[in-house]
Structure formats: structure tokens, C-alpha cells
Amino acid sequence: MWTFDSQHKYLVELFKDLSIQVSSSEIIGVKVALRRFRSFVTDHFSAEEHYMRQMDYKFYDAHKAQHDRFLQDISAIEPEELSGEIIATWAAWWLCHIPFSDRPYGSNLKSVNWSN
């Protein structure tokens, strides 16, 4: 069983892997890490949005708009263009998003039966 907190922790691991792959300059590793990151982020956002709709979260539209912008950013980048600077920008987004956007509704979603 995944909780949203455990998903957030796993996303940190995916960020670390992206950084390692970009630092190694091995494009196949970058492609694999980026594909895994995109897939997990998409699934994570989808799960969050599902539960926000279930609880009729009043800030759902604004929250979903944040997700949509982030998904556009990570979808627009080609693996060859990915850099440590871009990863740092994405990580900074997460560091703001989790406490200021996720936490307000998170107390209602302590545990979610969500699997890949």
C-alpha cells in the first residue's frame, strides 16, 4: 500500500537517479530514468487528483493546474536536453508544492490503497 508521503519519498529517489544519470552523461540511462520519472509523476498526480475529487477539495482546479504545468514541463524536455539545472528547478518545484499545495488536503488522505 502506498501513501502519498511514501510516493513523495520515492520521487526523491527518482530525482536522485535522474541526477546520477545526467552526471554520467550516458543517454540510455538518462532516457530510462526520465521515462520512469515521468510515468511515476503522472500516476502520482492522477491518484492525488482522484482523491481530491472524491473529497470535493475546494482548491482542486488550482491544484490540478499546477500538476498540468509540471507535466507539460517534464514532457517537453528531451533526454539530451536534461541538465542538472533543470533537475534542480524541478526539485525546487516539488519542495514548494508538497508543503504548500499538498499538505493542506493531505491530512484527509493519510493512507491510500494505490498500486502501480
PDB file of N, CA and C in Angstrom:
ATOM      1  N   MET A   1       0.843  -1.174   0.000  1.00  0.00           N
ATOM      2  CA  MET A   1       0.000   0.000   0.000  1.00  0.00           C
ATOM      3  C   MET A   1       0.895   1.245   0.000  1.00  0.00           C
ATOM      4  N   TRP A   2       0.598   2.136  -0.908  1.00  0.00           N
ATOM      5  CA  TRP A   2       1.297   3.420  -0.995  1.00  0.00           C
ATOM      6  C   TRP A   2       0.535   4.466  -0.202  1.00  0.00           C
ATOM      7  N   THR A   3       1.267   5.322   0.460  1.00  0.00           N
ATOM      8  CA  THR A   3       0.683   6.556   0.969  1.00  0.00           C
ATOM      9  C   THR A   3       1.238   7.668   0.097  1.00  0.00           C
ATOM     10  N   PHE A   4       0.602   8.812   0.128  1.00  0.00           N
ATOM     11  CA  PHE A   4       1.149   9.916  -0.657  1.00  0.00           C
ATOM     12  C   PHE A   4       2.520  10.320  -0.123  1.00  0.00           C
ATOM     13  N   ASP A   5       2.721  10.227   1.183  1.00  0.00           N
ATOM     14  CA  ASP A   5       4.040  10.534   1.736  1.00  0.00           C
ATOM     15  C   ASP A   5       5.098   9.573   1.202  1.00  0.00           C
ATOM     16  N   SER A   6       4.770   8.290   1.131  1.00  0.00           N
ATOM     17  CA  SER A   6       5.758   7.329   0.615  1.00  0.00           C
ATOM     18  C   SER A   6       6.003   7.563  -0.878  1.00  0.00           C
ATOM     19  N   GLN A   7       4.988   7.992  -1.598  1.00  0.00           N
ATOM     20  CA  GLN A   7       5.192   8.333  -3.007  1.00  0.00           C
ATOM     21  C   GLN A   7       6.130   9.529  -3.136  1.00  0.00           C
ATOM     22  N   HIS A   8       5.941  10.522  -2.278  1.00  0.00           N
ATOM     23  CA  HIS A   8       6.818  11.693  -2.316  1.00  0.00           C
ATOM     24  C   HIS A   8       8.265  11.285  -2.025  1.00  0.00           C
ATOM     25  N   LYS A   9       8.455  10.378  -1.088  1.00  0.00           N
ATOM     26  CA  LYS A   9       9.808   9.895  -0.778  1.00  0.00           C
ATOM     27  C   LYS A   9      10.395   9.146  -1.964  1.00  0.00           C
ATOM     28  N   TYR A  10       9.587   8.352  -2.624  1.00  0.00           N
ATOM     29  CA  TYR A  10      10.068   7.631  -3.804  1.00  0.00           C
ATOM     30  C   TYR A  10      10.434   8.611  -4.922  1.00  0.00           C
ATOM     31  N   LEU A  11       9.678   9.688  -5.057  1.00  0.00           N
ATOM     32  CA  LEU A  11      10.010  10.705  -6.064  1.00  0.00           C
ATOM     33  C   LEU A  11      11.381  11.314  -5.801  1.00  0.00           C
ATOM     34  N   VAL A  12      11.748  11.465  -4.528  1.00  0.00           N
ATOM     35  CA  VAL A  12      13.093  11.948  -4.194  1.00  0.00           C
ATOM     36  C   VAL A  12      14.134  10.977  -4.747  1.00  0.00           C
ATOM     37  N   GLU A  13      13.875   9.685  -4.608  1.00  0.00           N
ATOM     38  CA  GLU A  13      14.802   8.676  -5.150  1.00  0.00           C
ATOM     39  C   GLU A  13      14.877   8.774  -6.672  1.00  0.00           C
ATOM     40  N   LEU A  14      13.754   9.023  -7.310  1.00  0.00           N
ATOM     41  CA  LEU A  14      13.759   9.180  -8.768  1.00  0.00           C
ATOM     42  C   LEU A  14      14.539  10.425  -9.184  1.00  0.00           C
ATOM     43  N   PHE A  15      14.430  11.509  -8.413  1.00  0.00           N
ATOM     44  CA  PHE A  15      15.234  12.706  -8.673  1.00  0.00           C
ATOM     45  C   PHE A  15      16.720  12.383  -8.558  1.00  0.00           C
ATOM     46  N   LYS A  16      17.083  11.644  -7.512  1.00  0.00           N
ATOM     47  CA  LYS A  16      18.493  11.267  -7.325  1.00  0.00           C
ATOM     48  C   LYS A  16      18.992  10.459  -8.514  1.00  0.00           C
ATOM     49  N   ASP A  17      18.180   9.514  -8.958  1.00  0.00           N
ATOM     50  CA  ASP A  17      18.571   8.686 -10.099  1.00  0.00           C
ATOM     51  C   ASP A  17      18.727   9.538 -11.355  1.00  0.00           C
ATOM     52  N   LEU A  18      17.806  10.465 -11.581  1.00  0.00           N
ATOM     53  CA  LEU A  18      17.933  11.367 -12.730  1.00  0.00           C
ATOM     54  C   LEU A  18      19.252  12.136 -12.666  1.00  0.00           C
ATOM     55  N   SER A  19      19.569  12.656 -11.495  1.00  0.00           N
ATOM     56  CA  SER A  19      20.810  13.419 -11.328  1.00  0.00           C
ATOM     57  C   SER A  19      22.034  12.564 -11.620  1.00  0.00           C
ATOM     58  N   ILE A  20      22.025  11.357 -11.108  1.00  0.00           N
ATOM     59  CA  ILE A  20      23.157  10.441 -11.339  1.00  0.00           C
ATOM     60  C   ILE A  20      23.298  10.145 -12.823  1.00  0.00           C
ATOM     61  N   GLN A  21      22.179   9.860 -13.481  1.00  0.00           N
ATOM     62  CA  GLN A  21      22.229   9.528 -14.906  1.00  0.00           C
ATOM     63  C   GLN A  21      22.688  10.718 -15.741  1.00  0.00           C
ATOM     64  N   VAL A  22      22.206  11.912 -15.419  1.00  0.00           N
ATOM     65  CA  VAL A  22      22.629  13.102 -16.161  1.00  0.00           C
ATOM     66  C   VAL A  22      24.125  13.345 -15.935  1.00  0.00           C
ATOM     67  N   SER A  23      24.586  13.165 -14.707  1.00  0.00           N
ATOM     68  CA  SER A  23      26.003  13.363 -14.405  1.00  0.00           C
ATOM     69  C   SER A  23      26.885  12.371 -15.144  1.00  0.00           C
ATOM     70  N   SER A  24      26.370  11.165 -15.364  1.00  0.00           N
ATOM     71  CA  SER A  24      27.150  10.131 -16.051  1.00  0.00           C
ATOM     72  C   SER A  24      27.213  10.369 -17.551  1.00  0.00           C
ATOM     73  N   SER A  25      26.300  11.190 -18.061  1.00  0.00           N
ATOM     74  CA  SER A  25      26.225  11.509 -19.500  1.00  0.00           C
ATOM     75  C   SER A  25      25.927  10.300 -20.373  1.00  0.00           C
ATOM     76  N   GLU A  26      25.403   9.245 -19.784  1.00  0.00           N
ATOM     77  CA  GLU A  26      25.009   8.068 -20.573  1.00  0.00           C
ATOM     78  C   GLU A  26      23.545   8.240 -20.958  1.00  0.00           C
ATOM     79  N   ILE A  27      23.310   8.512 -22.223  1.00  0.00           N
ATOM     80  CA  ILE A  27      21.977   8.900 -22.690  1.00  0.00           C
ATOM     81  C   ILE A  27      20.940   7.800 -22.479  1.00  0.00           C
ATOM     82  N   ILE A  28      21.341   6.543 -22.591  1.00  0.00           N
ATOM     83  CA  ILE A  28      20.374   5.457 -22.369  1.00  0.00           C
ATOM     84  C   ILE A  28      19.892   5.469 -20.926  1.00  0.00           C
ATOM     85  N   GLY A  29      20.801   5.668 -19.987  1.00  0.00           N
ATOM     86  CA  GLY A  29      20.419   5.755 -18.580  1.00  0.00           C
ATOM     87  C   GLY A  29      19.530   6.950 -18.311  1.00  0.00           C
ATOM     88  N   VAL A  30      19.822   8.078 -18.956  1.00  0.00           N
ATOM     89  CA  VAL A  30      19.004   9.279 -18.810  1.00  0.00           C
ATOM     90  C   VAL A  30      17.597   9.010 -19.340  1.00  0.00           C
ATOM     91  N   LYS A  31      17.508   8.378 -20.510  1.00  0.00           N
ATOM     92  CA  LYS A  31      16.201   8.083 -21.097  1.00  0.00           C
ATOM     93  C   LYS A  31      15.366   7.190 -20.181  1.00  0.00           C
ATOM     94  N   VAL A  32      15.992   6.157 -19.632  1.00  0.00           N
ATOM     95  CA  VAL A  32      15.278   5.229 -18.755  1.00  0.00           C
ATOM     96  C   VAL A  32      14.822   5.946 -17.484  1.00  0.00           C
ATOM     97  N   ALA A  33      15.724   6.706 -16.867  1.00  0.00           N
ATOM     98  CA  ALA A  33      15.388   7.414 -15.631  1.00  0.00           C
ATOM     99  C   ALA A  33      14.295   8.451 -15.871  1.00  0.00           C
ATOM    100  N   LEU A  34      14.370   9.162 -16.982  1.00  0.00           N
ATOM    101  CA  LEU A  34      13.366  10.179 -17.295  1.00  0.00           C
ATOM    102  C   LEU A  34      12.011   9.532 -17.564  1.00  0.00           C
ATOM    103  N   ARG A  35      12.011   8.415 -18.278  1.00  0.00           N
ATOM    104  CA  ARG A  35      10.755   7.705 -18.552  1.00  0.00           C
ATOM    105  C   ARG A  35      10.117   7.228 -17.236  1.00  0.00           C
ATOM    106  N   ARG A  36      10.926   6.659 -16.332  1.00  0.00           N
ATOM    107  CA  ARG A  36      10.405   6.204 -15.037  1.00  0.00           C
ATOM    108  C   ARG A  36       9.861   7.383 -14.226  1.00  0.00           C
ATOM    109  N   PHE A  37      10.592   8.498 -14.237  1.00  0.00           N
ATOM    110  CA  PHE A  37      10.172   9.689 -13.508  1.00  0.00           C
ATOM    111  C   PHE A  37       8.843  10.205 -14.049  1.00  0.00           C
ATOM    112  N   ARG A  38       8.758  10.364 -15.359  1.00  0.00           N
ATOM    113  CA  ARG A  38       7.514  10.862 -15.972  1.00  0.00           C
ATOM    114  C   ARG A  38       6.335   9.948 -15.650  1.00  0.00           C
ATOM    115  N   SER A  39       6.555   8.661 -15.764  1.00  0.00           N
ATOM    116  CA  SER A  39       5.481   7.700 -15.517  1.00  0.00           C
ATOM    117  C   SER A  39       5.001   7.769 -14.075  1.00  0.00           C
ATOM    118  N   PHE A  40       5.944   7.811 -13.139  1.00  0.00           N
ATOM    119  CA  PHE A  40       5.548   7.833 -11.741  1.00  0.00           C
ATOM    120  C   PHE A  40       4.864   9.144 -11.379  1.00  0.00           C
ATOM    121  N   VAL A  41       5.389  10.260 -11.879  1.00  0.00           N
ATOM    122  CA  VAL A  41       4.762  11.559 -11.610  1.00  0.00           C
ATOM    123  C   VAL A  41       3.337  11.572 -12.153  1.00  0.00           C
ATOM    124  N   THR A  42       3.145  11.080 -13.356  1.00  0.00           N
ATOM    125  CA  THR A  42       1.809  11.036 -13.961  1.00  0.00           C
ATOM    126  C   THR A  42       0.860  10.202 -13.103  1.00  0.00           C
ATOM    127  N   ASP A  43       1.310   9.027 -12.682  1.00  0.00           N
ATOM    128  CA  ASP A  43       0.475   8.169 -11.841  1.00  0.00           C
ATOM    129  C   ASP A  43       0.189   8.825 -10.488  1.00  0.00           C
ATOM    130  N   HIS A  44       1.203   9.445  -9.917  1.00  0.00           N
ATOM    131  CA  HIS A  44       1.055  10.096  -8.619  1.00  0.00           C
ATOM    132  C   HIS A  44       0.027  11.233  -8.703  1.00  0.00           C
ATOM    133  N   PHE A  45       0.164  12.086  -9.703  1.00  0.00           N
ATOM    134  CA  PHE A  45      -0.779  13.188  -9.865  1.00  0.00           C
ATOM    135  C   PHE A  45      -2.191  12.668 -10.103  1.00  0.00           C
ATOM    136  N   SER A  46      -2.304  11.644 -10.900  1.00  0.00           N
ATOM    137  CA  SER A  46      -3.610  11.063 -11.192  1.00  0.00           C
ATOM    138  C   SER A  46      -4.273  10.556  -9.907  1.00  0.00           C
ATOM    139  N   ALA A  47      -3.499   9.889  -9.066  1.00  0.00           N
ATOM    140  CA  ALA A  47      -4.037   9.384  -7.800  1.00  0.00           C
ATOM    141  C   ALA A  47      -4.443  10.537  -6.882  1.00  0.00           C
ATOM    142  N   GLU A  48      -3.579  11.543  -6.769  1.00  0.00           N
ATOM    143  CA  GLU A  48      -3.922  12.697  -5.937  1.00  0.00           C
ATOM    144  C   GLU A  48      -5.211  13.354  -6.417  1.00  0.00           C
ATOM    145  N   GLU A  49      -5.289  13.570  -7.703  1.00  0.00           N
ATOM    146  CA  GLU A  49      -6.459  14.247  -8.266  1.00  0.00           C
ATOM    147  C   GLU A  49      -7.731  13.429  -8.056  1.00  0.00           C
ATOM    148  N   HIS A  50      -7.613  12.134  -8.183  1.00  0.00           N
ATOM    149  CA  HIS A  50      -8.763  11.262  -7.939  1.00  0.00           C
ATOM    150  C   HIS A  50      -9.300  11.473  -6.521  1.00  0.00           C
ATOM    151  N   TYR A  51      -8.418  11.451  -5.542  1.00  0.00           N
ATOM    152  CA  TYR A  51      -8.858  11.587  -4.158  1.00  0.00           C
ATOM    153  C   TYR A  51      -9.290  13.005  -3.816  1.00  0.00           C
ATOM    154  N   MET A  52      -8.702  13.991  -4.481  1.00  0.00           N
ATOM    155  CA  MET A  52      -9.174  15.364  -4.264  1.00  0.00           C
ATOM    156  C   MET A  52     -10.611  15.519  -4.778  1.00  0.00           C
ATOM    157  N   ARG A  53     -10.900  14.889  -5.918  1.00  0.00           N
ATOM    158  CA  ARG A  53     -12.273  14.937  -6.438  1.00  0.00           C
ATOM    159  C   ARG A  53     -13.220  14.196  -5.505  1.00  0.00           C
ATOM    160  N   GLN A  54     -12.780  13.058  -4.990  1.00  0.00           N
ATOM    161  CA  GLN A  54     -13.610  12.271  -4.074  1.00  0.00           C
ATOM    162  C   GLN A  54     -13.995  13.083  -2.838  1.00  0.00           C
ATOM    163  N   MET A  55     -13.063  13.895  -2.347  1.00  0.00           N
ATOM    164  CA  MET A  55     -13.332  14.673  -1.136  1.00  0.00           C
ATOM    165  C   MET A  55     -13.871  16.059  -1.464  1.00  0.00           C
ATOM    166  N   ASP A  56     -14.109  16.310  -2.761  1.00  0.00           N
ATOM    167  CA  ASP A  56     -14.643  17.592  -3.208  1.00  0.00           C
ATOM    168  C   ASP A  56     -13.772  18.752  -2.702  1.00  0.00           C
ATOM    169  N   TYR A  57     -12.466  18.603  -2.925  1.00  0.00           N
ATOM    170  CA  TYR A  57     -11.488  19.587  -2.467  1.00  0.00           C
ATOM    171  C   TYR A  57     -11.724  20.919  -3.165  1.00  0.00           C
ATOM    172  N   LYS A  58     -11.911  21.969  -2.395  1.00  0.00           N
ATOM    173  CA  LYS A  58     -12.315  23.256  -2.974  1.00  0.00           C
ATOM    174  C   LYS A  58     -11.240  23.918  -3.831  1.00  0.00           C
ATOM    175  N   PHE A  59      -9.982  23.533  -3.660  1.00  0.00           N
ATOM    176  CA  PHE A  59      -8.903  24.108  -4.464  1.00  0.00           C
ATOM    177  C   PHE A  59      -8.427  23.140  -5.555  1.00  0.00           C
ATOM    178  N   TYR A  60      -9.283  22.189  -5.891  1.00  0.00           N
ATOM    179  CA  TYR A  60      -8.917  21.173  -6.878  1.00  0.00           C
ATOM    180  C   TYR A  60      -8.446  21.789  -8.200  1.00  0.00           C
ATOM    181  N   ASP A  61      -9.180  22.715  -8.754  1.00  0.00           N
ATOM    182  CA  ASP A  61      -8.838  23.276 -10.066  1.00  0.00           C
ATOM    183  C   ASP A  61      -7.463  23.929 -10.056  1.00  0.00           C
ATOM    184  N   ALA A  62      -7.164  24.691  -9.024  1.00  0.00           N
ATOM    185  CA  ALA A  62      -5.850  25.337  -8.929  1.00  0.00           C
ATOM    186  C   ALA A  62      -4.747  24.296  -8.760  1.00  0.00           C
ATOM    187  N   HIS A  63      -5.024  23.279  -7.956  1.00  0.00           N
ATOM    188  CA  HIS A  63      -4.030  22.232  -7.723  1.00  0.00           C
ATOM    189  C   HIS A  63      -3.767  21.453  -9.017  1.00  0.00           C
ATOM    190  N   LYS A  64      -4.835  21.104  -9.710  1.00  0.00           N
ATOM    191  CA  LYS A  64      -4.680  20.373 -10.965  1.00  0.00           C
ATOM    192  C   LYS A  64      -3.922  21.218 -11.984  1.00  0.00           C
ATOM    193  N   ALA A  65      -4.153  22.511 -12.008  1.00  0.00           N
ATOM    194  CA  ALA A  65      -3.424  23.393 -12.926  1.00  0.00           C
ATOM    195  C   ALA A  65      -1.925  23.355 -12.636  1.00  0.00           C
ATOM    196  N   GLN A  66      -1.552  23.293 -11.361  1.00  0.00           N
ATOM    197  CA  GLN A  66      -0.133  23.156 -11.008  1.00  0.00           C
ATOM    198  C   GLN A  66       0.423  21.846 -11.557  1.00  0.00           C
ATOM    199  N   HIS A  67      -0.319  20.777 -11.356  1.00  0.00           N
ATOM    200  CA  HIS A  67       0.104  19.469 -11.875  1.00  0.00           C
ATOM    201  C   HIS A  67       0.261  19.523 -13.397  1.00  0.00           C
ATOM    202  N   ASP A  68      -0.728  20.098 -14.062  1.00  0.00           N
ATOM    203  CA  ASP A  68      -0.700  20.152 -15.528  1.00  0.00           C
ATOM    204  C   ASP A  68       0.519  20.911 -16.034  1.00  0.00           C
ATOM    205  N   ARG A  69       0.847  22.024 -15.383  1.00  0.00           N
ATOM    206  CA  ARG A  69       2.034  22.798 -15.796  1.00  0.00           C
ATOM    207  C   ARG A  69       3.309  21.982 -15.607  1.00  0.00           C
ATOM    208  N   PHE A  70       3.405  21.285 -14.468  1.00  0.00           N
ATOM    209  CA  PHE A  70       4.599  20.479 -14.220  1.00  0.00           C
ATOM    210  C   PHE A  70       4.706  19.345 -15.242  1.00  0.00           C
ATOM    211  N   LEU A  71       3.587  18.700 -15.526  1.00  0.00           N
ATOM    212  CA  LEU A  71       3.599  17.627 -16.530  1.00  0.00           C
ATOM    213  C   LEU A  71       4.006  18.155 -17.898  1.00  0.00           C
ATOM    214  N   GLN A  72       3.559  19.346 -18.249  1.00  0.00           N
ATOM    215  CA  GLN A  72       3.980  19.955 -19.520  1.00  0.00           C
ATOM    216  C   GLN A  72       5.488  20.161 -19.527  1.00  0.00           C
ATOM    217  N   ASP A  73       6.022  20.650 -18.419  1.00  0.00           N
ATOM    218  CA  ASP A  73       7.472  20.895 -18.335  1.00  0.00           C
ATOM    219  C   ASP A  73       8.270  19.607 -18.504  1.00  0.00           C
ATOM    220  N   ILE A  74       7.867  18.560 -17.785  1.00  0.00           N
ATOM    221  CA  ILE A  74       8.664  17.335 -17.858  1.00  0.00           C
ATOM    222  C   ILE A  74       8.443  16.579 -19.164  1.00  0.00           C
ATOM    223  N   SER A  75       7.314  16.824 -19.821  1.00  0.00           N
ATOM    224  CA  SER A  75       7.052  16.174 -21.107  1.00  0.00           C
ATOM    225  C   SER A  75       7.758  16.871 -22.259  1.00  0.00           C
ATOM    226  N   ALA A  76       8.011  18.162 -22.098  1.00  0.00           N
ATOM    227  CA  ALA A  76       8.589  18.948 -23.190  1.00  0.00           C
ATOM    228  C   ALA A  76      10.090  18.742 -23.345  1.00  0.00           C
ATOM    229  N   ILE A  77      10.742  18.273 -22.314  1.00  0.00           N
ATOM    230  CA  ILE A  77      12.205  18.147 -22.343  1.00  0.00           C
ATOM    231  C   ILE A  77      12.628  16.827 -22.984  1.00  0.00           C
ATOM    232  N   GLU A  78      13.600  16.907 -23.849  1.00  0.00           N
ATOM    233  CA  GLU A  78      14.189  15.697 -24.441  1.00  0.00           C
ATOM    234  C   GLU A  78      15.313  15.212 -23.530  1.00  0.00           C
ATOM    235  N   PRO A  79      15.537  13.924 -23.470  1.00  0.00           N
ATOM    236  CA  PRO A  79      16.597  13.408 -22.594  1.00  0.00           C
ATOM    237  C   PRO A  79      17.956  14.081 -22.840  1.00  0.00           C
ATOM    238  N   GLU A  80      18.253  14.389 -24.087  1.00  0.00           N
ATOM    239  CA  GLU A  80      19.542  15.007 -24.415  1.00  0.00           C
ATOM    240  C   GLU A  80      19.647  16.432 -23.877  1.00  0.00           C
ATOM    241  N   GLU A  81      18.511  17.052 -23.600  1.00  0.00           N
ATOM    242  CA  GLU A  81      18.482  18.426 -23.095  1.00  0.00           C
ATOM    243  C   GLU A  81      18.507  18.498 -21.566  1.00  0.00           C
ATOM    244  N   LEU A  82      18.272  17.376 -20.921  1.00  0.00           N
ATOM    245  CA  LEU A  82      18.166  17.360 -19.465  1.00  0.00           C
ATOM    246  C   LEU A  82      19.511  17.694 -18.832  1.00  0.00           C
ATOM    247  N   SER A  83      19.470  18.579 -17.859  1.00  0.00           N
ATOM    248  CA  SER A  83      20.696  19.014 -17.185  1.00  0.00           C
ATOM    249  C   SER A  83      20.465  19.044 -15.678  1.00  0.00           C
ATOM    250  N   GLY A  84      21.545  19.166 -14.949  1.00  0.00           N
ATOM    251  CA  GLY A  84      21.446  19.307 -13.502  1.00  0.00           C
ATOM    252  C   GLY A  84      20.635  20.521 -13.115  1.00  0.00           C
ATOM    253  N   GLU A  85      20.747  21.590 -13.896  1.00  0.00           N
ATOM    254  CA  GLU A  85      19.993  22.811 -13.624  1.00  0.00           C
ATOM    255  C   GLU A  85      18.483  22.581 -13.767  1.00  0.00           C
ATOM    256  N   ILE A  86      18.088  21.857 -14.786  1.00  0.00           N
ATOM    257  CA  ILE A  86      16.664  21.560 -14.986  1.00  0.00           C
ATOM    258  C   ILE A  86      16.148  20.679 -13.853  1.00  0.00           C
ATOM    259  N   ILE A  87      16.914  19.668 -13.488  1.00  0.00           N
ATOM    260  CA  ILE A  87      16.508  18.789 -12.389  1.00  0.00           C
ATOM    261  C   ILE A  87      16.378  19.590 -11.099  1.00  0.00           C
ATOM    262  N   ALA A  88      17.304  20.516 -10.858  1.00  0.00           N
ATOM    263  CA  ALA A  88      17.239  21.363  -9.656  1.00  0.00           C
ATOM    264  C   ALA A  88      15.977  22.234  -9.668  1.00  0.00           C
ATOM    265  N   THR A  89      15.607  22.733 -10.838  1.00  0.00           N
ATOM    266  CA  THR A  89      14.385  23.536 -10.962  1.00  0.00           C
ATOM    267  C   THR A  89      13.161  22.685 -10.646  1.00  0.00           C
ATOM    268  N   TRP A  90      13.125  21.463 -11.189  1.00  0.00           N
ATOM    269  CA  TRP A  90      12.005  20.557 -10.901  1.00  0.00           C
ATOM    270  C   TRP A  90      11.954  20.221  -9.415  1.00  0.00           C
ATOM    271  N   ALA A  91      13.119  19.947  -8.824  1.00  0.00           N
ATOM    272  CA  ALA A  91      13.172  19.607  -7.396  1.00  0.00           C
ATOM    273  C   ALA A  91      12.681  20.776  -6.545  1.00  0.00           C
ATOM    274  N   ALA A  92      13.059  21.994  -6.916  1.00  0.00           N
ATOM    275  CA  ALA A  92      12.606  23.175  -6.178  1.00  0.00           C
ATOM    276  C   ALA A  92      11.088  23.295  -6.260  1.00  0.00           C
ATOM    277  N   TRP A  93      10.527  22.977  -7.425  1.00  0.00           N
ATOM    278  CA  TRP A  93       9.082  22.998  -7.570  1.00  0.00           C
ATOM    279  C   TRP A  93       8.446  22.040  -6.567  1.00  0.00           C
ATOM    280  N   TRP A  94       8.982  20.822  -6.485  1.00  0.00           N
ATOM    281  CA  TRP A  94       8.446  19.828  -5.552  1.00  0.00           C
ATOM    282  C   TRP A  94       8.567  20.285  -4.116  1.00  0.00           C
ATOM    283  N   LEU A  95       9.713  20.888  -3.789  1.00  0.00           N
ATOM    284  CA  LEU A  95       9.929  21.328  -2.410  1.00  0.00           C
ATOM    285  C   LEU A  95       8.941  22.410  -1.995  1.00  0.00           C
ATOM    286  N   CYS A  96       8.426  23.145  -2.948  1.00  0.00           N
ATOM    287  CA  CYS A  96       7.369  24.133  -2.658  1.00  0.00           C
ATOM    288  C   CYS A  96       5.987  23.503  -2.745  1.00  0.00           C
ATOM    289  N   HIS A  97       5.796  22.638  -3.717  1.00  0.00           N
ATOM    290  CA  HIS A  97       4.474  22.061  -3.965  1.00  0.00           C
ATOM    291  C   HIS A  97       3.991  21.198  -2.792  1.00  0.00           C
ATOM    292  N   ILE A  98       4.859  20.362  -2.278  1.00  0.00           N
ATOM    293  CA  ILE A  98       4.432  19.429  -1.222  1.00  0.00           C
ATOM    294  C   ILE A  98       3.943  20.172   0.022  1.00  0.00           C
ATOM    295  N   PRO A  99       4.732  21.077   0.600  1.00  0.00           N
ATOM    296  CA  PRO A  99       4.234  21.707   1.835  1.00  0.00           C
ATOM    297  C   PRO A  99       3.120  22.734   1.624  1.00  0.00           C
ATOM    298  N   PHE A 100       3.122  23.411   0.495  1.00  0.00           N
ATOM    299  CA  PHE A 100       2.156  24.492   0.321  1.00  0.00           C
ATOM    300  C   PHE A 100       0.910  24.094  -0.469  1.00  0.00           C
ATOM    301  N   SER A 101       0.996  23.064  -1.287  1.00  0.00           N
ATOM    302  CA  SER A 101      -0.166  22.649  -2.073  1.00  0.00           C
ATOM    303  C   SER A 101      -0.711  21.291  -1.641  1.00  0.00           C
ATOM    304  N   ASP A 102       0.166  20.348  -1.336  1.00  0.00           N
ATOM    305  CA  ASP A 102      -0.300  19.014  -0.941  1.00  0.00           C
ATOM    306  C   ASP A 102      -0.714  18.940   0.523  1.00  0.00           C
ATOM    307  N   ARG A 103       0.047  19.537   1.377  1.00  0.00           N
ATOM    308  CA  ARG A 103      -0.220  19.402   2.810  1.00  0.00           C
ATOM    309  C   ARG A 103      -1.610  19.882   3.236  1.00  0.00           C
ATOM    310  N   PRO A 104      -2.151  20.956   2.652  1.00  0.00           N
ATOM    311  CA  PRO A 104      -3.487  21.394   3.099  1.00  0.00           C
ATOM    312  C   PRO A 104      -4.586  20.335   2.968  1.00  0.00           C
ATOM    313  N   TYR A 105      -4.513  19.485   1.966  1.00  0.00           N
ATOM    314  CA  TYR A 105      -5.545  18.445   1.859  1.00  0.00           C
ATOM    315  C   TYR A 105      -5.038  17.103   2.366  1.00  0.00           C
ATOM    316  N   GLY A 106      -3.742  16.992   2.588  1.00  0.00           N
ATOM    317  CA  GLY A 106      -3.118  15.718   2.932  1.00  0.00           C
ATOM    318  C   GLY A 106      -3.588  15.087   4.213  1.00  0.00           C
ATOM    319  N   SER A 107      -3.973  15.885   5.184  1.00  0.00           N
ATOM    320  CA  SER A 107      -4.413  15.307   6.451  1.00  0.00           C
ATOM    321  C   SER A 107      -5.658  14.446   6.276  1.00  0.00           C
ATOM    322  N   ASN A 108      -6.386  14.650   5.196  1.00  0.00           N
ATOM    323  CA  ASN A 108      -7.569  13.841   4.903  1.00  0.00           C
ATOM    324  C   ASN A 108      -7.230  12.566   4.130  1.00  0.00           C
ATOM    325  N   LEU A 109      -5.983  12.447   3.713  1.00  0.00           N
ATOM    326  CA  LEU A 109      -5.588  11.306   2.869  1.00  0.00           C
ATOM    327  C   LEU A 109      -4.407  10.575   3.482  1.00  0.00           C
ATOM    328  N   LYS A 110      -4.509  10.211   4.727  1.00  0.00           N
ATOM    329  CA  LYS A 110      -3.383   9.586   5.415  1.00  0.00           C
ATOM    330  C   LYS A 110      -2.891   8.327   4.711  1.00  0.00           C
ATOM    331  N   SER A 111      -3.792   7.521   4.247  1.00  0.00           N
ATOM    332  CA  SER A 111      -3.394   6.268   3.629  1.00  0.00           C
ATOM    333  C   SER A 111      -4.301   5.974   2.451  1.00  0.00           C
ATOM    334  N   VAL A 112      -3.685   5.580   1.368  1.00  0.00           N
ATOM    335  CA  VAL A 112      -4.423   5.314   0.143  1.00  0.00           C
ATOM    336  C   VAL A 112      -4.005   3.957  -0.384  1.00  0.00           C
ATOM    337  N   ASN A 113      -4.956   3.122  -0.738  1.00  0.00           N
ATOM    338  CA  ASN A 113      -4.640   1.841  -1.358  1.00  0.00           C
ATOM    339  C   ASN A 113      -4.431   2.089  -2.841  1.00  0.00           C
ATOM    340  N   TRP A 114      -3.175   2.322  -3.227  1.00  0.00           N
ATOM    341  CA  TRP A 114      -2.829   2.710  -4.584  1.00  0.00           C
ATOM    342  C   TRP A 114      -1.633   1.895  -5.001  1.00  0.00           C
ATOM    343  N   SER A 115      -1.730   1.191  -6.090  1.00  0.00           N
ATOM    344  CA  SER A 115      -0.601   0.373  -6.512  1.00  0.00           C
ATOM    345  C   SER A 115      -0.304   0.644  -7.972  1.00  0.00           C
ATOM    346  N   ASN A 116       0.969   0.403  -8.350  1.00  0.00           N
ATOM    347  CA  ASN A 116       1.394   0.582  -9.756  1.00  0.00           C
ATOM    348  C   ASN A 116       0.899  -0.553 -10.596  1.00  0.00           C
TER     349      ASN A 116
END
